[in-house]
Amino acid sequence: MRILVLGAGGIGGYFGARIHDAGGDVTFLTRPARAAQLRTNGLKVFSPCGDTQISPKVVTQGEQGDPFDVIMLSCKSYDLDSAMAAIAPAMNQQSIILPLLNGVLHIDTLAARFGPERVLGGVAFISVMLAPTGEIQHLNKLHRLITGSRTPQPSQWLQPLAQLLASSAIDFALTDDIEQAMWDKIVFLSTLAGSTCTLRASIGDILQTVAGEAFITGLLAECAAVAAAFGHPVAETQLAAYRKPLTEKGSALMASMLRDIERGGATEADHILGDMVCHANAEGINVPLLELAYSHLQAYDFRRRAWSSN
């Protein structure tokens, strides 16, 4: 089983390195500058779960060669079109895609391009950063990956992939209801990104404000209502598990989207919060806090585009 990982940034680099260490045949498809960096320095991961350094197989667009069996997609949502163009030459009729993007909106786009039976569902819970020098910094011990088939007839590659992932250092789970797992995550992520980006602060700092906790828990309730309306209610035990880190006094937790804002970069607001607002509007659900959070990120993006055009 040959695996192609699109990109060797935080998520793709981390999981690709762990799969390589488990004996997987992994190749990274990267931009030329990153490819040169990896060929010179290798791929280094620093993690509370154990450091690793590998000498990865690396290709750039146009060098993919023979088709791959599994393509792991870990790009940002705003790069999805270019990512699909990059992986298309590396696929045949049996190839499957494991997307690790946030949200659910990308699934329909991938299925329309490659066929629903070739697109797995995927969820990644991990906090990583790519250092300027190319090393991957894993920020805590959470490194969970969940996948599963979205169609009644699973791909021939699903079980071999699951066995490989289960044998790795990754906290892995194969599920029969991957869409529920994806909706569970978007409820949590929309709450975390919506609160920390709107108030430009960590969870701990927000909780010290006069209405911070009410804002966070209100967002969580609105997002959970949207998921329930679309047939994916989040279990109360799962909501309780989410409330714990979202209301932890002194917590430094914040969404990676806030780090994107702080460096003046693009965000996945449309793909995550915007999609949740669209789902709410389709069902007539009142989500004033979610709309406020999304409006804040839209306003940031309008100003960012104005800055970049000057």
Protein backbone atom coordinates (compact mmCIF):
# COMPACT_ATOMS: atom_id res chain seq x y z
CA MET A 1 0.00 0.00 0.00
CA ARG A 2 1.56 3.25 -1.16
CA ILE A 3 0.57 6.43 0.68
CA LEU A 4 0.94 9.98 -0.61
CA VAL A 5 0.72 12.79 1.93
CA LEU A 6 -0.07 16.17 0.43
CA GLY A 7 2.14 18.63 2.22
CA ALA A 8 4.61 18.21 5.05
CA GLY A 9 3.35 20.96 7.32
CA GLY A 10 2.14 20.42 10.85
CA ILE A 11 -0.65 17.87 10.38
CA GLY A 12 0.57 16.08 7.26
CA GLY A 13 4.16 16.05 8.44
CA TYR A 14 3.29 14.75 11.90
CA PHE A 15 0.97 11.93 10.85
CA GLY A 16 3.11 11.07 7.83
CA ALA A 17 6.19 10.69 10.03
CA ARG A 18 4.32 8.47 12.51
CA ILE A 19 3.01 6.27 9.68
CA HIS A 20 6.54 6.04 8.24
CA ASP A 21 7.85 4.95 11.65
CA ALA A 22 5.22 2.19 11.70
CA GLY A 23 6.59 0.79 8.45
CA GLY A 24 4.28 2.56 6.02
CA ASP A 25 5.40 3.37 2.48
CA VAL A 26 4.94 7.16 2.67
CA THR A 27 5.79 9.83 0.11
CA PHE A 28 5.29 13.57 0.68
CA LEU A 29 4.07 15.82 -2.13
CA THR A 30 5.32 19.32 -1.34
CA ARG A 31 6.25 22.63 -2.92
CA PRO A 32 9.83 22.84 -4.25
CA ALA A 33 11.22 24.91 -1.35
CA ARG A 34 9.84 22.52 1.28
CA ALA A 35 11.06 19.53 -0.77
CA ALA A 36 14.60 20.95 -0.82
CA GLN A 37 14.43 21.57 2.93
CA LEU A 38 13.29 18.01 3.63
CA ARG A 39 15.92 16.47 1.35
CA THR A 40 18.63 18.45 3.10
CA ASN A 41 17.53 18.30 6.74
CA GLY A 42 15.05 15.43 6.92
CA LEU A 43 11.68 15.66 8.65
CA LYS A 44 11.96 16.30 12.37
CA VAL A 45 9.12 16.00 14.88
CA PHE A 46 9.43 17.16 18.48
CA SER A 47 6.61 15.78 20.59
CA PRO A 48 5.66 14.92 24.19
CA CYS A 49 4.75 11.53 22.71
CA GLY A 50 8.31 10.98 21.50
CA ASP A 51 10.56 12.76 19.03
CA THR A 52 11.34 11.32 15.63
CA GLN A 53 13.43 12.18 12.60
CA ILE A 54 13.04 10.56 9.20
CA SER A 55 14.59 10.88 5.76
CA PRO A 56 11.36 11.10 3.78
CA LYS A 57 10.59 10.31 0.19
CA VAL A 58 9.60 13.63 -1.37
CA VAL A 59 8.14 14.63 -4.74
CA THR A 60 6.93 17.89 -6.20
CA GLN A 61 4.00 18.42 -8.56
CA GLY A 62 4.70 16.67 -11.85
CA GLU A 63 6.96 14.09 -10.20
CA GLN A 64 4.26 11.88 -8.68
CA GLY A 65 5.05 8.86 -10.88
CA ASP A 66 2.93 5.73 -10.49
CA PRO A 67 -0.48 6.06 -8.82
CA PHE A 68 -0.79 5.86 -5.05
CA ASP A 69 -3.33 3.78 -3.15
CA VAL A 70 -4.09 6.27 -0.36
CA ILE A 71 -3.79 10.05 -0.52
CA MET A 72 -3.80 11.87 2.80
CA LEU A 73 -5.06 15.42 2.35
CA SER A 74 -4.13 17.89 5.07
CA CYS A 75 -4.33 21.25 3.33
CA LYS A 76 -6.23 24.35 4.43
CA SER A 77 -9.74 24.62 3.03
CA TYR A 78 -8.88 27.69 0.95
CA ASP A 79 -6.23 25.60 -0.86
CA LEU A 80 -8.61 22.74 -1.68
CA ASP A 81 -8.91 23.48 -5.42
CA SER A 82 -5.16 23.54 -5.96
CA ALA A 83 -4.79 20.45 -3.74
CA MET A 84 -7.25 18.48 -5.87
CA ALA A 85 -5.37 19.48 -9.00
CA ALA A 86 -2.11 18.35 -7.40
CA ILE A 87 -3.29 14.90 -6.34
CA ALA A 88 -5.36 14.02 -9.43
CA PRO A 89 -2.34 12.78 -11.47
CA ALA A 90 -1.31 10.54 -8.57
CA MET A 91 -4.61 8.62 -8.50
CA ASN A 92 -6.17 5.70 -10.33
CA GLN A 93 -9.66 4.21 -10.10
CA GLN A 94 -8.85 2.34 -6.87
CA SER A 95 -7.14 5.21 -5.04
CA ILE A 96 -8.84 6.64 -1.97
CA ILE A 97 -8.54 10.01 -0.25
CA LEU A 98 -8.29 10.49 3.51
CA PRO A 99 -9.07 14.18 4.07
CA LEU A 100 -8.03 15.69 7.39
CA LEU A 101 -9.46 19.15 6.79
CA ASN A 102 -11.56 20.87 9.40
CA GLY A 103 -15.33 21.01 8.94
CA VAL A 104 -17.58 19.05 6.58
CA LEU A 105 -17.96 21.31 3.54
CA HIS A 106 -14.95 19.86 1.68
CA ILE A 107 -16.45 16.36 1.53
CA ASP A 108 -19.03 17.26 -1.12
CA THR A 109 -16.37 19.05 -3.17
CA LEU A 110 -14.04 16.05 -3.10
CA ALA A 111 -16.87 13.58 -3.80
CA ALA A 112 -18.03 15.62 -6.80
CA ARG A 113 -14.50 15.61 -8.25
CA PHE A 114 -13.38 12.04 -7.50
CA GLY A 115 -16.55 10.09 -6.64
CA PRO A 116 -18.13 9.51 -3.19
CA GLU A 117 -16.82 5.94 -2.89
CA ARG A 118 -13.24 7.22 -3.11
CA VAL A 119 -13.50 9.77 -0.30
CA LEU A 120 -13.19 8.58 3.29
CA GLY A 121 -14.24 10.68 6.23
CA GLY A 122 -11.48 11.86 8.50
CA VAL A 123 -11.02 13.73 11.77
CA ALA A 124 -7.73 14.89 13.27
CA PHE A 125 -7.42 16.16 16.82
CA ILE A 126 -3.92 17.57 17.17
CA SER A 127 -2.16 20.83 18.00
CA VAL A 128 1.01 21.29 15.97
CA MET A 129 3.12 24.12 14.62
CA LEU A 130 5.65 24.23 11.80
CA ALA A 131 8.76 26.08 12.93
CA PRO A 132 10.41 28.54 10.48
CA THR A 133 13.34 26.12 10.23
CA GLY A 134 11.04 23.27 9.17
CA GLU A 135 10.67 21.22 12.36
CA ILE A 136 7.23 20.16 13.54
CA GLN A 137 6.38 21.07 17.13
CA HIS A 138 3.66 18.92 18.72
CA LEU A 139 2.22 21.08 21.49
CA ASN A 140 0.56 18.48 23.74
CA LYS A 141 -0.12 14.75 23.95
CA LEU A 142 -3.32 14.81 21.90
CA HIS A 143 -2.76 13.19 18.49
CA ARG A 144 -6.02 11.44 17.65
CA LEU A 145 -7.00 10.39 14.13
CA ILE A 146 -10.40 8.92 13.24
CA THR A 147 -11.48 7.59 9.86
CA GLY A 148 -14.20 5.47 8.29
CA SER A 149 -16.06 4.77 5.09
CA ARG A 150 -18.84 7.11 4.02
CA THR A 151 -20.37 4.56 1.63
CA PRO A 152 -21.92 1.13 2.31
CA GLN A 153 -19.16 -0.66 0.40
CA PRO A 154 -15.77 0.22 1.93
CA SER A 155 -12.69 0.56 -0.24
CA GLN A 156 -10.29 -2.37 -0.42
CA TRP A 157 -7.68 -0.08 1.12
CA LEU A 158 -9.63 0.88 4.25
CA GLN A 159 -8.76 -2.17 6.37
CA PRO A 160 -5.04 -2.23 5.44
CA LEU A 161 -4.88 1.50 6.18
CA ALA A 162 -6.67 1.06 9.51
CA GLN A 163 -4.31 -1.77 10.51
CA LEU A 164 -1.27 0.38 9.69
CA LEU A 165 -2.61 3.36 11.63
CA ALA A 166 -3.51 1.15 14.59
CA SER A 167 0.07 -0.17 14.67
CA SER A 168 1.54 3.34 14.76
CA ALA A 169 2.08 5.67 17.72
CA ILE A 170 -1.03 7.62 16.69
CA ASP A 171 -4.16 7.44 18.86
CA PHE A 172 -6.30 5.93 16.09
CA ALA A 173 -9.92 4.81 15.77
CA LEU A 174 -11.90 3.29 12.90
CA THR A 175 -15.58 4.15 13.14
CA ASP A 176 -18.77 3.06 11.40
CA ASP A 177 -20.19 6.60 11.75
CA ILE A 178 -17.46 8.93 10.57
CA GLU A 179 -19.93 11.69 9.67
CA GLN A 180 -21.02 11.91 13.31
CA ALA A 181 -17.38 12.19 14.36
CA MET A 182 -16.89 15.00 11.85
CA TRP A 183 -19.96 16.87 13.11
CA ASP A 184 -18.83 16.38 16.70
CA LYS A 185 -15.56 18.07 15.88
CA ILE A 186 -17.05 21.00 13.95
CA VAL A 187 -19.32 21.77 16.92
CA PHE A 188 -16.27 21.99 19.21
CA LEU A 189 -14.07 23.79 16.68
CA SER A 190 -16.72 26.36 15.77
CA THR A 191 -17.14 27.15 19.45
CA LEU A 192 -13.41 27.39 20.10
CA ALA A 193 -12.63 29.42 16.98
CA GLY A 194 -15.72 31.58 17.32
CA SER A 195 -14.95 32.55 20.90
CA THR A 196 -11.16 32.94 20.80
CA CYS A 197 -11.11 34.75 17.45
CA THR A 198 -13.98 37.12 18.28
CA LEU A 199 -12.46 38.11 21.62
CA ARG A 200 -8.85 37.72 20.40
CA ALA A 201 -7.83 35.84 23.53
CA SER A 202 -7.27 32.41 25.03
CA ILE A 203 -10.04 30.54 26.82
CA GLY A 204 -8.51 31.45 30.18
CA ASP A 205 -8.48 35.15 29.38
CA ILE A 206 -12.01 35.08 28.01
CA LEU A 207 -13.30 33.43 31.18
CA GLN A 208 -12.03 36.40 33.19
CA THR A 209 -14.30 38.81 31.29
CA VAL A 210 -17.78 39.82 32.42
CA ALA A 211 -19.63 37.73 29.83
CA GLY A 212 -16.94 35.40 28.53
CA GLU A 213 -18.25 32.12 29.89
CA ALA A 214 -21.80 32.88 28.75
CA PHE A 215 -20.47 33.67 25.27
CA ILE A 216 -18.56 30.38 25.06
CA THR A 217 -21.34 28.15 26.40
CA GLY A 218 -23.92 29.98 24.30
CA LEU A 219 -21.88 29.34 21.16
CA LEU A 220 -21.57 25.68 22.07
CA ALA A 221 -25.34 25.37 22.49
CA GLU A 222 -26.02 27.06 19.14
CA CYS A 223 -23.53 24.84 17.29
CA ALA A 224 -24.94 21.71 18.92
CA ALA A 225 -28.45 22.75 17.84
CA VAL A 226 -27.31 23.05 14.23
CA ALA A 227 -25.72 19.60 14.29
CA ALA A 228 -28.87 18.08 15.79
CA ALA A 229 -31.04 19.70 13.12
CA PHE A 230 -28.98 17.94 10.44
CA GLY A 231 -29.31 14.52 12.04
CA HIS A 232 -26.04 14.50 13.97
CA PRO A 233 -26.86 15.35 17.59
CA VAL A 234 -23.81 15.49 19.81
CA ALA A 235 -24.13 13.11 22.75
CA GLU A 236 -24.48 14.81 26.12
CA THR A 237 -21.38 13.00 27.36
CA GLN A 238 -19.44 14.47 24.43
CA LEU A 239 -20.81 17.96 25.09
CA ALA A 240 -19.76 17.62 28.73
CA ALA A 241 -16.28 16.62 27.57
CA TYR A 242 -16.18 19.74 25.37
CA ARG A 243 -17.38 22.06 28.14
CA LYS A 244 -14.47 21.04 30.36
CA PRO A 245 -11.62 22.54 28.26
CA LEU A 246 -13.86 25.39 27.08
CA THR A 247 -14.51 26.54 30.66
CA GLU A 248 -11.17 25.74 32.28
CA LYS A 249 -9.92 28.70 34.28
CA GLY A 250 -6.42 29.78 33.32
CA SER A 251 -6.40 27.73 30.12
CA ALA A 252 -4.07 28.84 27.33
CA LEU A 253 -6.25 27.02 24.78
CA MET A 254 -7.02 28.94 21.59
CA ALA A 255 -7.92 28.04 18.02
CA SER A 256 -5.18 27.89 15.41
CA MET A 257 -7.39 30.31 13.49
CA LEU A 258 -6.52 32.97 16.07
CA ARG A 259 -2.82 32.40 15.33
CA ASP A 260 -3.66 32.87 11.63
CA ILE A 261 -5.26 36.23 12.47
CA GLU A 262 -2.37 37.32 14.66
CA ARG A 263 0.07 36.83 11.78
CA GLY A 264 -2.27 38.56 9.32
CA GLY A 265 -2.99 35.38 7.35
CA ALA A 266 -6.03 33.88 5.67
CA THR A 267 -8.48 31.88 7.78
CA GLU A 268 -10.90 29.00 7.30
CA ALA A 269 -13.80 31.09 8.61
CA ASP A 270 -16.02 30.49 5.57
CA HIS A 271 -15.40 26.75 5.64
CA ILE A 272 -16.13 26.38 9.36
CA LEU A 273 -18.21 29.19 10.90
CA GLY A 274 -19.69 30.28 7.59
CA ASP A 275 -20.82 26.76 6.79
CA MET A 276 -22.40 26.42 10.23
CA VAL A 277 -24.31 29.68 9.70
CA CYS A 278 -25.50 28.44 6.30
CA HIS A 279 -26.73 25.20 7.86
CA ALA A 280 -28.52 27.17 10.59
CA ASN A 281 -30.21 29.45 8.05
CA ALA A 282 -31.35 26.44 6.01
CA GLU A 283 -33.20 25.09 9.05
CA GLY A 284 -34.39 28.45 10.38
CA ILE A 285 -32.32 28.14 13.56
CA ASN A 286 -31.58 31.36 15.43
CA VAL A 287 -27.81 31.59 16.02
CA PRO A 288 -26.99 35.21 16.97
CA LEU A 289 -23.68 34.41 18.67
CA LEU A 290 -22.49 32.27 15.78
CA GLU A 291 -23.49 35.00 13.31
CA LEU A 292 -21.61 37.57 15.40
CA ALA A 293 -18.47 35.42 15.44
CA TYR A 294 -18.64 34.82 11.69
CA SER A 295 -19.28 38.51 11.00
CA HIS A 296 -16.19 39.39 13.03
CA LEU A 297 -14.05 37.06 10.93
CA GLN A 298 -15.59 38.34 7.70
CA ALA A 299 -14.74 41.90 8.72
CA TYR A 300 -11.16 40.85 9.48
CA ASP A 301 -10.90 39.25 6.04
CA PHE A 302 -12.29 42.34 4.29
CA ARG A 303 -9.63 44.46 5.99
CA ARG A 304 -6.89 41.90 5.31
CA ARG A 305 -7.67 41.97 1.60
CA ALA A 306 -7.64 45.77 1.63
CA TRP A 307 -4.23 45.74 3.33
CA SER A 308 -2.80 43.27 0.84
CA SER A 309 -4.04 45.31 -2.13
CA ASN A 310 -2.30 48.48 -0.92
